Protein backbone atom coordinates (compact mmCIF):
# COMPACT_ATOMS: atom_id res chain seq x y z
CA UNK A 1 0.00 0.00 0.00
CA UNK A 2 1.33 3.44 -0.81
CA UNK A 3 1.87 6.25 1.64
CA UNK A 4 -0.42 8.47 -0.42
CA UNK A 5 -3.51 9.74 1.41
CA UNK A 6 -6.91 8.61 0.22
CA UNK A 7 -7.57 10.89 -2.73
CA UNK A 8 -11.15 11.87 -1.97
CA UNK A 9 -11.66 11.39 1.76
CA UNK A 10 -15.02 13.19 1.74
CA UNK A 11 -16.47 10.68 -0.74
CA UNK A 12 -14.84 7.78 1.10
CA UNK A 13 -16.42 8.62 4.47
CA UNK A 14 -19.74 9.35 2.77
CA UNK A 15 -19.65 5.80 1.39
CA UNK A 16 -18.81 4.55 4.90
CA UNK A 17 -21.86 6.42 6.23
CA UNK A 18 -24.11 4.90 3.57
CA UNK A 19 -22.85 1.41 4.42
CA UNK A 20 -23.39 2.10 8.10
CA UNK A 21 -26.93 3.37 7.51
CA UNK A 22 -27.80 0.37 5.37
CA UNK A 23 -26.46 -2.08 7.98
CA UNK A 24 -28.37 -0.32 10.77
CA UNK A 25 -31.66 -0.37 8.90
CA UNK A 26 -31.18 -4.02 7.93
CA UNK A 27 -30.63 -4.74 11.64
CA UNK A 28 -33.85 -2.80 12.42
CA UNK A 29 -32.04 -0.61 14.96
CA UNK A 30 -32.52 3.04 15.76
CA UNK A 31 -29.56 5.39 15.66
CA UNK A 32 -29.86 5.82 19.41
CA UNK A 33 -29.91 2.08 20.15
CA UNK A 34 -26.92 1.35 17.93
CA UNK A 35 -24.92 4.27 19.27
CA UNK A 36 -25.61 3.35 22.88
CA UNK A 37 -24.71 -0.32 22.31
CA UNK A 38 -21.48 0.71 20.56
CA UNK A 39 -20.51 3.13 23.34
CA UNK A 40 -20.85 6.39 21.43
CA UNK A 41 -23.36 9.22 21.56
CA UNK A 42 -26.28 9.43 19.16
CA UNK A 43 -24.92 12.74 17.91
CA UNK A 44 -21.56 11.15 17.09
CA UNK A 45 -23.36 8.30 15.35
CA UNK A 46 -25.47 10.71 13.28
CA UNK A 47 -22.30 12.48 12.18
CA UNK A 48 -20.81 9.18 11.02
CA UNK A 49 -23.86 8.35 8.92
CA UNK A 50 -23.59 11.80 7.33
CA UNK A 51 -19.83 11.42 6.82
CA UNK A 52 -19.14 14.58 8.80
CA UNK A 53 -17.52 15.35 12.14
CA UNK A 54 -18.76 18.94 12.00
CA UNK A 55 -20.14 21.08 9.16
CA UNK A 56 -17.66 21.11 6.31
CA UNK A 57 -15.27 18.67 8.01
CA UNK A 58 -15.21 15.01 6.92
CA UNK A 59 -15.52 12.33 9.59
CA UNK A 60 -12.53 10.24 10.62
CA UNK A 61 -13.90 7.45 12.84
CA UNK A 62 -11.49 5.59 15.05
CA UNK A 63 -10.81 1.91 14.59
CA UNK A 64 -12.36 1.31 18.02
CA UNK A 65 -15.57 3.04 16.91
CA UNK A 66 -15.72 1.08 13.65
CA UNK A 67 -15.07 -2.21 15.46
CA UNK A 68 -17.72 -1.41 18.09
CA UNK A 69 -20.36 -0.57 15.51
CA UNK A 70 -19.56 -3.65 13.45
CA UNK A 71 -19.72 -5.88 16.53
CA UNK A 72 -23.15 -4.59 17.56
CA UNK A 73 -24.39 -5.07 13.98
CA UNK A 74 -23.01 -8.62 13.87
CA UNK A 75 -20.58 -7.68 11.09
CA UNK A 76 -16.85 -7.55 10.57
CA UNK A 77 -15.28 -4.06 10.35
CA UNK A 78 -14.40 -4.66 6.69
CA UNK A 79 -18.12 -4.96 5.94
CA UNK A 80 -18.51 -1.26 6.79
CA UNK A 81 -15.28 0.05 5.32
CA UNK A 82 -15.33 0.89 1.59
CA UNK A 83 -12.68 -0.63 -0.66
CA UNK A 84 -9.90 1.84 -1.41
CA UNK A 85 -10.14 1.20 -5.16
CA UNK A 86 -13.81 2.17 -5.37
CA UNK A 87 -13.95 5.14 -7.73
CA UNK A 88 -17.60 6.02 -7.27
CA UNK A 89 -19.02 5.81 -3.76
CA UNK A 90 -22.67 4.92 -3.41
CA UNK A 91 -25.02 7.88 -3.56
CA UNK A 92 -28.32 8.54 -1.85
CA UNK A 93 -29.96 7.64 -5.15
CA UNK A 94 -28.17 4.25 -5.18
CA UNK A 95 -29.18 3.72 -1.54
CA UNK A 96 -32.85 4.27 -2.38
CA UNK A 97 -32.65 1.77 -5.23
CA UNK A 98 -31.17 -0.94 -2.99
């Protein structure tokens, strides 16, 4: 793996948020229930689904947070993390079609 940063971090974390949202809805969990079970606040969780840590600033979830969310959802962390080679992250339109 190269030392180059991920080229479009904003799109990458947006894709992570879409994957997280999809997994949560498939698990029939509320944001609050998932956040509480994973040991984070609902506000923090909402930011992750949006791909933001604050307005205009892309999220950067910790490995502990990703592992906690995946564990509660019965998934492996790699199920939530987008592949680095993905050129076109899923969009809200793609999410609605799924």
